[in-house]
Amino acid sequence: MKLMDITTSEKPSLWIFGYGSLVWKPDFKYKRNNVGYIKGYSRRFWHGDNFHRGDKDLPGRVVTLVEDHDACTWGIAYEVSDSQMEESLQYLNVREAVLGGYVTKMVEFTPREKCQGSLLALVYIATSDNPIYLGPATPTEIAAQIAICRGNTGHNIEYLLRLAEFMRLYCPEVEDDHLFSIEAAALALVI
């Protein structure tokens, strides 16, 4: 697969792939964005959050990526221009790495628009060696935890519902069984 040249007018740009809260709340400056996917990963509510969507006593659950050779994860890639790069990365490193416990990796992103080629994108991934990593649980257990947690940026259930809404609006043909089964279980608890 041919990778798209990510330079514009000789000035470098950086693509950043979001698959969790970045799909509805990037909060950093970017030039443009594209809906698309990365292969080889599944989105899972296996990471703990003791700042944004939970606290140290009741950590919320947020998504991370786990390696899964046959899977793909849909989200949004944001192009950050050279002039926006330093400020955007400083913000994201605090939000995702310092407060969120994620590490970075470069992945191949494929835009939904077939006329565009694949490109390299930076992604933030929480790994199982992180102290706030919670790991696998049943959809019912994850939903019960999400339903009661709240952090500095709001209720954990808001995070879940916004992510499900993004998938239905921008990727209606994609079935994300993990996400939608947790959403159904959480809604059954709060309605």
N, C-alpha and C. Protein backbone atom coordinates (compact mmCIF):
# COMPACT_ATOMS: atom_id res chain seq x y z
N MET A 1 0.84 -1.17 0.00
CA MET A 1 0.00 0.00 0.00
C MET A 1 0.89 1.24 0.00
N LYS A 2 0.59 2.18 -0.85
CA LYS A 2 1.40 3.39 -0.96
C LYS A 2 0.99 4.39 0.12
N LEU A 3 1.96 4.96 0.81
CA LEU A 3 1.69 5.96 1.83
C LEU A 3 1.69 7.34 1.20
N MET A 4 0.74 8.17 1.58
CA MET A 4 0.62 9.52 1.05
C MET A 4 1.74 10.39 1.61
N ASP A 5 2.27 11.26 0.79
CA ASP A 5 3.27 12.22 1.23
C ASP A 5 2.61 13.19 2.21
N ILE A 6 3.16 13.35 3.40
CA ILE A 6 2.51 14.19 4.40
C ILE A 6 3.15 15.57 4.50
N THR A 7 3.88 15.98 3.50
CA THR A 7 4.45 17.32 3.51
C THR A 7 3.61 18.23 2.63
N THR A 8 3.53 19.47 3.01
CA THR A 8 2.78 20.46 2.27
C THR A 8 3.66 21.68 2.08
N SER A 9 3.89 22.05 0.85
CA SER A 9 4.72 23.21 0.53
C SER A 9 6.05 23.19 1.26
N GLU A 10 6.68 22.05 1.32
CA GLU A 10 7.98 21.85 1.93
C GLU A 10 7.98 21.99 3.45
N LYS A 11 6.85 22.35 4.04
CA LYS A 11 6.77 22.44 5.49
C LYS A 11 6.13 21.16 6.00
N PRO A 12 6.73 20.53 6.99
CA PRO A 12 6.18 19.26 7.47
C PRO A 12 4.86 19.45 8.22
N SER A 13 4.05 18.43 8.15
CA SER A 13 2.84 18.38 8.97
C SER A 13 2.81 17.02 9.65
N LEU A 14 1.94 16.89 10.62
CA LEU A 14 1.82 15.65 11.38
C LEU A 14 0.35 15.29 11.43
N TRP A 15 0.06 14.02 11.21
CA TRP A 15 -1.30 13.52 11.37
C TRP A 15 -1.41 12.83 12.73
N ILE A 16 -2.51 13.07 13.44
CA ILE A 16 -2.75 12.49 14.76
C ILE A 16 -4.08 11.74 14.68
N PHE A 17 -4.07 10.46 15.03
CA PHE A 17 -5.27 9.63 14.97
C PHE A 17 -5.96 9.58 16.32
N GLY A 18 -7.24 9.92 16.33
CA GLY A 18 -8.05 9.85 17.54
C GLY A 18 -9.11 8.78 17.40
N TYR A 19 -9.32 8.01 18.46
CA TYR A 19 -10.30 6.91 18.44
C TYR A 19 -11.16 6.91 19.69
N GLY A 20 -10.92 7.84 20.61
CA GLY A 20 -11.70 7.99 21.84
C GLY A 20 -12.25 9.40 21.90
N SER A 21 -11.98 10.11 22.97
CA SER A 21 -12.52 11.47 23.12
C SER A 21 -12.01 12.44 22.06
N LEU A 22 -10.88 12.13 21.43
CA LEU A 22 -10.38 13.03 20.38
C LEU A 22 -11.33 13.10 19.19
N VAL A 23 -12.22 12.13 19.01
CA VAL A 23 -13.13 12.19 17.86
C VAL A 23 -14.18 13.28 18.02
N TRP A 24 -14.54 13.65 19.24
CA TRP A 24 -15.52 14.73 19.42
C TRP A 24 -14.95 15.94 20.13
N LYS A 25 -13.80 15.82 20.75
CA LYS A 25 -13.25 16.95 21.49
C LYS A 25 -11.73 16.97 21.34
N PRO A 26 -11.24 17.37 20.15
CA PRO A 26 -9.79 17.39 19.99
C PRO A 26 -9.11 18.47 20.84
N ASP A 27 -9.70 19.64 20.93
CA ASP A 27 -9.16 20.75 21.74
C ASP A 27 -7.73 21.14 21.41
N PHE A 28 -7.30 20.92 20.19
CA PHE A 28 -6.01 21.42 19.73
C PHE A 28 -6.21 21.94 18.31
N LYS A 29 -5.30 22.79 17.88
CA LYS A 29 -5.42 23.38 16.54
C LYS A 29 -4.97 22.38 15.49
N TYR A 30 -5.72 22.32 14.41
CA TYR A 30 -5.37 21.44 13.30
C TYR A 30 -5.83 22.08 11.99
N LYS A 31 -5.24 21.63 10.92
CA LYS A 31 -5.50 22.16 9.58
C LYS A 31 -6.76 21.55 8.97
N ARG A 32 -6.88 20.23 9.04
CA ARG A 32 -8.03 19.51 8.51
C ARG A 32 -8.11 18.15 9.17
N ASN A 33 -9.23 17.45 8.95
CA ASN A 33 -9.36 16.11 9.51
C ASN A 33 -10.02 15.18 8.51
N ASN A 34 -9.84 13.89 8.73
CA ASN A 34 -10.42 12.85 7.88
C ASN A 34 -10.90 11.70 8.75
N VAL A 35 -12.09 11.20 8.45
CA VAL A 35 -12.58 9.98 9.08
C VAL A 35 -11.93 8.81 8.35
N GLY A 36 -11.53 7.81 9.09
CA GLY A 36 -10.90 6.63 8.50
C GLY A 36 -10.56 5.61 9.57
N TYR A 37 -9.63 4.73 9.25
CA TYR A 37 -9.34 3.64 10.18
C TYR A 37 -7.87 3.25 10.16
N ILE A 38 -7.49 2.51 11.20
CA ILE A 38 -6.19 1.87 11.27
C ILE A 38 -6.44 0.37 11.41
N LYS A 39 -5.56 -0.43 10.87
CA LYS A 39 -5.69 -1.89 10.94
C LYS A 39 -4.77 -2.46 12.02
N GLY A 40 -5.15 -3.64 12.51
CA GLY A 40 -4.30 -4.35 13.46
C GLY A 40 -4.57 -4.03 14.92
N TYR A 41 -5.65 -3.26 15.19
CA TYR A 41 -5.99 -2.88 16.57
C TYR A 41 -7.49 -2.92 16.77
N SER A 42 -7.89 -3.27 18.00
CA SER A 42 -9.28 -3.17 18.45
C SER A 42 -9.36 -2.12 19.53
N ARG A 43 -10.45 -1.36 19.51
CA ARG A 43 -10.72 -0.36 20.56
C ARG A 43 -11.35 -1.09 21.74
N ARG A 44 -10.81 -0.88 22.94
CA ARG A 44 -11.32 -1.55 24.13
C ARG A 44 -11.39 -0.59 25.31
N PHE A 45 -12.43 -0.71 26.12
CA PHE A 45 -12.58 0.07 27.35
C PHE A 45 -11.80 -0.61 28.48
N TRP A 46 -10.51 -0.72 28.30
CA TRP A 46 -9.68 -1.43 29.25
C TRP A 46 -8.74 -0.52 30.03
N HIS A 47 -8.76 0.77 29.76
CA HIS A 47 -7.83 1.67 30.44
C HIS A 47 -8.55 2.45 31.53
N GLY A 48 -7.89 2.60 32.66
CA GLY A 48 -8.45 3.37 33.76
C GLY A 48 -8.20 4.86 33.57
N ASP A 49 -9.07 5.67 34.11
CA ASP A 49 -8.92 7.12 34.03
C ASP A 49 -9.21 7.69 35.42
N ASN A 50 -8.18 8.20 36.06
CA ASN A 50 -8.36 8.76 37.41
C ASN A 50 -8.28 10.28 37.41
N PHE A 51 -8.46 10.90 36.25
CA PHE A 51 -8.45 12.36 36.17
C PHE A 51 -9.65 12.88 35.36
N HIS A 52 -9.72 12.54 34.07
CA HIS A 52 -10.75 13.11 33.19
C HIS A 52 -12.15 12.53 33.46
N ARG A 53 -12.26 11.22 33.59
CA ARG A 53 -13.56 10.55 33.69
C ARG A 53 -13.72 9.70 34.94
N GLY A 54 -12.83 9.89 35.90
CA GLY A 54 -12.90 9.19 37.16
C GLY A 54 -11.97 9.85 38.15
N ASP A 55 -11.77 9.23 39.30
CA ASP A 55 -10.82 9.76 40.28
C ASP A 55 -10.03 8.59 40.87
N LYS A 56 -9.17 8.89 41.85
CA LYS A 56 -8.30 7.82 42.38
C LYS A 56 -9.10 6.75 43.12
N ASP A 57 -10.24 7.10 43.70
CA ASP A 57 -11.06 6.12 44.39
C ASP A 57 -11.96 5.31 43.45
N LEU A 58 -12.48 5.98 42.42
CA LEU A 58 -13.34 5.32 41.44
C LEU A 58 -12.85 5.68 40.03
N PRO A 59 -11.85 4.97 39.55
CA PRO A 59 -11.37 5.28 38.20
C PRO A 59 -12.42 4.94 37.14
N GLY A 60 -12.54 5.87 36.18
CA GLY A 60 -13.44 5.60 35.06
C GLY A 60 -12.77 4.65 34.08
N ARG A 61 -13.51 4.29 33.06
CA ARG A 61 -12.97 3.44 31.99
C ARG A 61 -13.02 4.22 30.68
N VAL A 62 -11.88 4.25 30.00
CA VAL A 62 -11.77 4.89 28.70
C VAL A 62 -11.13 3.90 27.73
N VAL A 63 -11.15 4.25 26.45
CA VAL A 63 -10.65 3.30 25.46
C VAL A 63 -9.15 3.41 25.25
N THR A 64 -8.61 2.29 24.88
CA THR A 64 -7.24 2.18 24.39
C THR A 64 -7.30 1.23 23.20
N LEU A 65 -6.16 0.99 22.60
CA LEU A 65 -6.08 0.06 21.49
C LEU A 65 -5.31 -1.17 21.94
N VAL A 66 -5.80 -2.34 21.54
CA VAL A 66 -5.08 -3.58 21.79
C VAL A 66 -4.80 -4.22 20.43
N GLU A 67 -3.62 -4.80 20.33
CA GLU A 67 -3.25 -5.44 19.07
C GLU A 67 -4.21 -6.57 18.74
N ASP A 68 -4.68 -6.56 17.50
CA ASP A 68 -5.63 -7.56 17.02
C ASP A 68 -5.45 -7.60 15.51
N HIS A 69 -4.71 -8.59 15.05
CA HIS A 69 -4.28 -8.68 13.66
C HIS A 69 -5.43 -8.52 12.65
N ASP A 70 -6.60 -9.06 12.95
CA ASP A 70 -7.72 -9.07 12.01
C ASP A 70 -8.66 -7.86 12.13
N ALA A 71 -8.41 -6.97 13.06
CA ALA A 71 -9.35 -5.89 13.34
C ALA A 71 -8.94 -4.57 12.69
N CYS A 72 -9.88 -3.65 12.69
CA CYS A 72 -9.56 -2.26 12.36
C CYS A 72 -10.37 -1.37 13.29
N THR A 73 -9.83 -0.20 13.57
CA THR A 73 -10.48 0.76 14.46
C THR A 73 -10.71 2.05 13.69
N TRP A 74 -11.95 2.51 13.73
CA TRP A 74 -12.33 3.74 13.04
C TRP A 74 -12.19 4.93 13.99
N GLY A 75 -11.87 6.07 13.41
CA GLY A 75 -11.73 7.30 14.17
C GLY A 75 -11.49 8.47 13.22
N ILE A 76 -10.80 9.47 13.72
CA ILE A 76 -10.50 10.67 12.93
C ILE A 76 -9.01 10.97 13.02
N ALA A 77 -8.42 11.27 11.86
CA ALA A 77 -7.04 11.74 11.83
C ALA A 77 -7.06 13.25 11.58
N TYR A 78 -6.26 13.95 12.37
CA TYR A 78 -6.16 15.41 12.27
C TYR A 78 -4.80 15.78 11.72
N GLU A 79 -4.78 16.65 10.72
CA GLU A 79 -3.51 17.14 10.20
C GLU A 79 -3.12 18.40 10.95
N VAL A 80 -1.96 18.36 11.58
CA VAL A 80 -1.44 19.50 12.33
C VAL A 80 -0.29 20.07 11.51
N SER A 81 -0.40 21.35 11.15
CA SER A 81 0.64 21.98 10.34
C SER A 81 1.88 22.26 11.18
N ASP A 82 2.96 22.57 10.51
CA ASP A 82 4.22 22.86 11.17
C ASP A 82 4.06 23.94 12.24
N SER A 83 3.31 25.00 11.93
CA SER A 83 3.16 26.11 12.88
C SER A 83 2.28 25.73 14.08
N GLN A 84 1.45 24.69 13.96
CA GLN A 84 0.57 24.25 15.05
C GLN A 84 1.16 23.10 15.85
N MET A 85 2.21 22.49 15.32
CA MET A 85 2.70 21.22 15.86
C MET A 85 3.17 21.31 17.31
N GLU A 86 4.02 22.26 17.64
CA GLU A 86 4.57 22.32 18.99
C GLU A 86 3.48 22.53 20.03
N GLU A 87 2.60 23.48 19.80
CA GLU A 87 1.52 23.76 20.75
C GLU A 87 0.56 22.58 20.88
N SER A 88 0.21 21.98 19.75
CA SER A 88 -0.72 20.84 19.77
C SER A 88 -0.12 19.65 20.50
N LEU A 89 1.14 19.35 20.21
CA LEU A 89 1.78 18.20 20.87
C LEU A 89 1.99 18.45 22.36
N GLN A 90 2.30 19.67 22.76
CA GLN A 90 2.42 19.97 24.19
C GLN A 90 1.10 19.70 24.89
N TYR A 91 0.01 20.19 24.30
CA TYR A 91 -1.31 19.98 24.87
C TYR A 91 -1.64 18.49 24.95
N LEU A 92 -1.46 17.78 23.84
CA LEU A 92 -1.80 16.36 23.80
C LEU A 92 -0.92 15.53 24.73
N ASN A 93 0.33 15.88 24.87
CA ASN A 93 1.20 15.12 25.77
C ASN A 93 0.77 15.25 27.22
N VAL A 94 0.23 16.41 27.61
CA VAL A 94 -0.31 16.55 28.96
C VAL A 94 -1.63 15.77 29.06
N ARG A 95 -2.52 16.02 28.12
CA ARG A 95 -3.85 15.38 28.16
C ARG A 95 -3.78 13.86 28.05
N GLU A 96 -3.01 13.36 27.13
CA GLU A 96 -3.00 11.93 26.85
C GLU A 96 -1.88 11.16 27.58
N ALA A 97 -0.69 11.73 27.65
CA ALA A 97 0.44 11.00 28.24
C ALA A 97 0.56 11.24 29.74
N VAL A 98 0.68 12.50 30.15
CA VAL A 98 0.90 12.80 31.57
C VAL A 98 -0.33 12.45 32.40
N LEU A 99 -1.50 12.97 32.01
CA LEU A 99 -2.72 12.73 32.78
C LEU A 99 -3.39 11.41 32.41
N GLY A 100 -3.22 10.96 31.17
CA GLY A 100 -3.93 9.79 30.69
C GLY A 100 -3.16 8.49 30.74
N GLY A 101 -1.83 8.55 30.79
CA GLY A 101 -1.04 7.34 30.87
C GLY A 101 -0.80 6.63 29.55
N TYR A 102 -0.89 7.37 28.44
CA TYR A 102 -0.70 6.77 27.13
C TYR A 102 0.73 6.96 26.63
N VAL A 103 1.13 6.09 25.71
CA VAL A 103 2.40 6.22 24.99
C VAL A 103 2.06 6.46 23.53
N THR A 104 3.04 6.88 22.73
CA THR A 104 2.76 7.18 21.33
C THR A 104 3.36 6.12 20.40
N LYS A 105 2.75 6.02 19.25
CA LYS A 105 3.20 5.09 18.22
C LYS A 105 2.76 5.66 16.87
N MET A 106 3.51 5.36 15.83
CA MET A 106 3.12 5.74 14.47
C MET A 106 2.41 4.56 13.83
N VAL A 107 1.26 4.83 13.20
CA VAL A 107 0.45 3.80 12.57
C VAL A 107 0.05 4.25 11.17
N GLU A 108 -0.37 3.29 10.36
CA GLU A 108 -0.85 3.60 9.02
C GLU A 108 -2.36 3.87 9.10
N PHE A 109 -2.76 5.06 8.67
CA PHE A 109 -4.16 5.49 8.68
C PHE A 109 -4.69 5.48 7.25
N THR A 110 -5.89 4.91 7.07
CA THR A 110 -6.53 4.88 5.76
C THR A 110 -7.78 5.75 5.80
N PRO A 111 -7.80 6.86 5.07
CA PRO A 111 -9.00 7.71 5.04
C PRO A 111 -10.17 7.00 4.37
N ARG A 112 -11.38 7.35 4.78
CA ARG A 112 -12.59 6.79 4.17
C ARG A 112 -12.66 7.17 2.70
N GLU A 113 -12.27 8.39 2.38
CA GLU A 113 -12.29 8.86 0.99
C GLU A 113 -11.31 8.02 0.18
N LYS A 114 -11.82 7.28 -0.79
CA LYS A 114 -10.98 6.37 -1.56
C LYS A 114 -9.97 7.09 -2.44
N CYS A 115 -10.20 8.36 -2.74
CA CYS A 115 -9.27 9.10 -3.60
C CYS A 115 -8.00 9.49 -2.86
N GLN A 116 -7.98 9.33 -1.55
CA GLN A 116 -6.80 9.67 -0.76
C GLN A 116 -6.05 8.40 -0.39
N GLY A 117 -4.73 8.49 -0.42
CA GLY A 117 -3.91 7.35 -0.03
C GLY A 117 -3.74 7.26 1.46
N SER A 118 -3.19 6.15 1.93
CA SER A 118 -2.89 5.97 3.35
C SER A 118 -1.77 6.92 3.77
N LEU A 119 -1.69 7.19 5.04
CA LEU A 119 -0.66 8.07 5.58
C LEU A 119 -0.26 7.61 6.96
N LEU A 120 0.87 8.09 7.42
CA LEU A 120 1.31 7.77 8.78
C LEU A 120 0.69 8.75 9.76
N ALA A 121 0.27 8.24 10.90
CA ALA A 121 -0.35 9.08 11.93
C ALA A 121 0.17 8.68 13.31
N LEU A 122 0.26 9.66 14.17
CA LEU A 122 0.63 9.44 15.56
C LEU A 122 -0.62 9.02 16.32
N VAL A 123 -0.48 8.02 17.17
CA VAL A 123 -1.62 7.58 17.99
C VAL A 123 -1.13 7.38 19.42
N TYR A 124 -2.03 7.64 20.36
CA TYR A 124 -1.75 7.44 21.79
C TYR A 124 -2.41 6.13 22.21
N ILE A 125 -1.62 5.24 22.85
CA ILE A 125 -2.10 3.92 23.25
C ILE A 125 -1.67 3.65 24.69
N ALA A 126 -2.63 3.22 25.51
CA ALA A 126 -2.30 2.80 26.88
C ALA A 126 -1.97 1.31 26.85
N THR A 127 -0.91 0.95 27.52
CA THR A 127 -0.49 -0.45 27.53
C THR A 127 -0.78 -1.08 28.89
N SER A 128 -0.74 -2.40 28.91
CA SER A 128 -1.08 -3.14 30.14
C SER A 128 -0.07 -2.94 31.27
N ASP A 129 1.10 -2.39 30.99
CA ASP A 129 2.06 -2.15 32.07
C ASP A 129 1.84 -0.81 32.77
N ASN A 130 0.81 -0.08 32.35
CA ASN A 130 0.47 1.19 32.99
C ASN A 130 -0.24 0.92 34.33
N PRO A 131 0.12 1.63 35.40
CA PRO A 131 -0.51 1.36 36.71
C PRO A 131 -2.03 1.57 36.74
N ILE A 132 -2.58 2.41 35.84
CA ILE A 132 -4.03 2.62 35.86
C ILE A 132 -4.75 1.81 34.78
N TYR A 133 -4.05 0.88 34.16
CA TYR A 133 -4.66 -0.01 33.17
C TYR A 133 -5.55 -0.99 33.91
N LEU A 134 -6.81 -1.14 33.47
CA LEU A 134 -7.76 -2.00 34.18
C LEU A 134 -7.93 -3.36 33.53
N GLY A 135 -7.72 -3.46 32.24
CA GLY A 135 -7.81 -4.73 31.55
C GLY A 135 -9.22 -5.17 31.21
N PRO A 136 -9.34 -6.39 30.69
CA PRO A 136 -10.63 -6.90 30.23
C PRO A 136 -11.63 -7.10 31.37
N ALA A 137 -12.89 -6.97 31.00
CA ALA A 137 -14.03 -7.28 31.88
C ALA A 137 -15.23 -7.50 30.97
N THR A 138 -16.30 -8.00 31.51
CA THR A 138 -17.51 -8.20 30.70
C THR A 138 -18.13 -6.83 30.38
N PRO A 139 -18.94 -6.76 29.32
CA PRO A 139 -19.63 -5.50 29.03
C PRO A 139 -20.46 -4.99 30.21
N THR A 140 -21.09 -5.91 30.94
CA THR A 140 -21.91 -5.52 32.09
C THR A 140 -21.04 -4.92 33.20
N GLU A 141 -19.90 -5.54 33.47
CA GLU A 141 -18.99 -5.01 34.50
C GLU A 141 -18.43 -3.65 34.10
N ILE A 142 -18.03 -3.51 32.84
CA ILE A 142 -17.50 -2.22 32.36
C ILE A 142 -18.59 -1.15 32.44
N ALA A 143 -19.81 -1.49 32.00
CA ALA A 143 -20.92 -0.53 32.04
C ALA A 143 -21.24 -0.09 33.46
N ALA A 144 -21.22 -1.02 34.41
CA ALA A 144 -21.50 -0.67 35.81
C ALA A 144 -20.47 0.30 36.35
N GLN A 145 -19.22 0.12 35.97
CA GLN A 145 -18.17 1.04 36.41
C GLN A 145 -18.35 2.40 35.75
N ILE A 146 -18.60 2.41 34.45
CA ILE A 146 -18.78 3.67 33.72
C ILE A 146 -19.96 4.45 34.26
N ALA A 147 -21.04 3.77 34.62
CA ALA A 147 -22.27 4.43 35.06
C ALA A 147 -22.09 5.24 36.34
N ILE A 148 -21.12 4.90 37.17
CA ILE A 148 -20.98 5.60 38.47
C ILE A 148 -19.79 6.56 38.54
N CYS A 149 -18.97 6.60 37.51
CA CYS A 149 -17.74 7.40 37.59
C CYS A 149 -17.88 8.79 37.00
N ARG A 150 -17.14 9.70 37.61
CA ARG A 150 -17.10 11.09 37.15
C ARG A 150 -15.71 11.63 37.44
N GLY A 151 -15.20 12.45 36.51
CA GLY A 151 -13.88 13.06 36.67
C GLY A 151 -13.92 14.55 36.41
N ASN A 152 -12.77 15.14 36.21
CA ASN A 152 -12.66 16.59 36.02
C ASN A 152 -13.31 17.10 34.74
N THR A 153 -13.49 16.25 33.74
CA THR A 153 -14.13 16.71 32.51
C THR A 153 -15.54 16.18 32.34
N GLY A 154 -16.05 15.47 33.32
CA GLY A 154 -17.44 15.05 33.26
C GLY A 154 -17.65 13.58 33.61
N HIS A 155 -18.91 13.17 33.42
CA HIS A 155 -19.31 11.79 33.71
C HIS A 155 -18.69 10.83 32.71
N ASN A 156 -18.33 9.67 33.18
CA ASN A 156 -17.76 8.64 32.32
C ASN A 156 -18.78 8.18 31.27
N ILE A 157 -20.07 8.16 31.64
CA ILE A 157 -21.07 7.71 30.68
C ILE A 157 -21.17 8.66 29.49
N GLU A 158 -20.90 9.95 29.71
CA GLU A 158 -20.89 10.90 28.59
C GLU A 158 -19.84 10.49 27.55
N TYR A 159 -18.68 10.10 28.02
CA TYR A 159 -17.60 9.63 27.15
C TYR A 159 -18.09 8.46 26.30
N LEU A 160 -18.70 7.48 26.94
CA LEU A 160 -19.22 6.30 26.26
C LEU A 160 -20.26 6.68 25.21
N LEU A 161 -21.23 7.49 25.59
CA LEU A 161 -22.33 7.85 24.69
C LEU A 161 -21.85 8.69 23.50
N ARG A 162 -20.91 9.59 23.75
CA ARG A 162 -20.38 10.41 22.64
C ARG A 162 -19.59 9.56 21.65
N LEU A 163 -18.86 8.59 22.14
CA LEU A 163 -18.12 7.72 21.25
C LEU A 163 -19.08 6.87 20.41
N ALA A 164 -20.12 6.34 21.02
CA ALA A 164 -21.11 5.56 20.28
C ALA A 164 -21.84 6.45 19.26
N GLU A 165 -22.14 7.67 19.63
CA GLU A 165 -22.79 8.61 18.71
C GLU A 165 -21.89 8.91 17.50
N PHE A 166 -20.60 9.12 17.75
CA PHE A 166 -19.67 9.35 16.64
C PHE A 166 -19.71 8.17 15.67
N MET A 167 -19.64 6.97 16.19
CA MET A 167 -19.63 5.79 15.32
C MET A 167 -20.92 5.70 14.50
N ARG A 168 -22.04 6.00 15.10
CA ARG A 168 -23.31 5.91 14.36
C ARG A 168 -23.42 7.01 13.29
N LEU A 169 -22.92 8.19 13.59
CA LEU A 169 -23.01 9.31 12.65
C LEU A 169 -22.00 9.23 11.52
N TYR A 170 -20.76 8.89 11.83
CA TYR A 170 -19.68 8.97 10.85
C TYR A 170 -19.25 7.62 10.27
N CYS A 171 -19.61 6.56 10.94
CA CYS A 171 -19.22 5.21 10.48
C CYS A 171 -20.41 4.27 10.63
N PRO A 172 -21.56 4.61 10.05
CA PRO A 172 -22.78 3.82 10.31
C PRO A 172 -22.71 2.38 9.83
N GLU A 173 -21.82 2.10 8.89
CA GLU A 173 -21.71 0.74 8.37
C GLU A 173 -20.82 -0.15 9.23
N VAL A 174 -20.15 0.44 10.23
CA VAL A 174 -19.19 -0.30 11.05
C VAL A 174 -19.87 -0.82 12.32
N GLU A 175 -19.71 -2.10 12.57
CA GLU A 175 -20.21 -2.71 13.81
C GLU A 175 -19.07 -2.76 14.83
N ASP A 176 -19.22 -2.06 15.91
CA ASP A 176 -18.25 -2.10 17.01
C ASP A 176 -18.95 -2.79 18.18
N ASP A 177 -18.93 -4.10 18.18
CA ASP A 177 -19.68 -4.88 19.17
C ASP A 177 -19.28 -4.55 20.60
N HIS A 178 -17.99 -4.37 20.83
CA HIS A 178 -17.51 -4.04 22.18
C HIS A 178 -18.15 -2.74 22.66
N LEU A 179 -18.05 -1.70 21.86
CA LEU A 179 -18.60 -0.38 22.21
C LEU A 179 -20.11 -0.44 22.39
N PHE A 180 -20.81 -1.00 21.42
CA PHE A 180 -22.27 -0.98 21.47
C PHE A 180 -22.85 -1.89 22.55
N SER A 181 -22.17 -2.97 22.89
CA SER A 181 -22.67 -3.83 23.97
C SER A 181 -22.51 -3.14 25.33
N ILE A 182 -21.43 -2.39 25.50
CA ILE A 182 -21.23 -1.62 26.75
C ILE A 182 -22.24 -0.48 26.83
N GLU A 183 -22.48 0.18 25.70
CA GLU A 183 -23.48 1.25 25.67
C GLU A 183 -24.85 0.71 26.08
N ALA A 184 -25.26 -0.41 25.50
CA ALA A 184 -26.58 -1.00 25.83
C ALA A 184 -26.66 -1.36 27.32
N ALA A 185 -25.60 -1.94 27.84
CA ALA A 185 -25.60 -2.34 29.26
C ALA A 185 -25.64 -1.10 30.16
N ALA A 186 -24.93 -0.05 29.80
CA ALA A 186 -24.92 1.18 30.61
C ALA A 186 -26.28 1.87 30.57
N LEU A 187 -26.88 1.93 29.40
CA LEU A 187 -28.20 2.56 29.30
C LEU A 187 -29.24 1.79 30.09
N ALA A 188 -29.13 0.49 30.13
CA ALA A 188 -30.06 -0.33 30.92
C ALA A 188 -29.95 -0.04 32.41
N LEU A 189 -28.76 0.37 32.85
CA LEU A 189 -28.54 0.69 34.26
C LEU A 189 -29.07 2.07 34.66
N VAL A 190 -29.01 3.02 33.72
CA VAL A 190 -29.35 4.41 34.09
C VAL A 190 -30.73 4.86 33.65
N ILE A 191 -31.38 4.06 32.81
CA ILE A 191 -32.73 4.47 32.34
C ILE A 191 -33.79 3.77 33.14
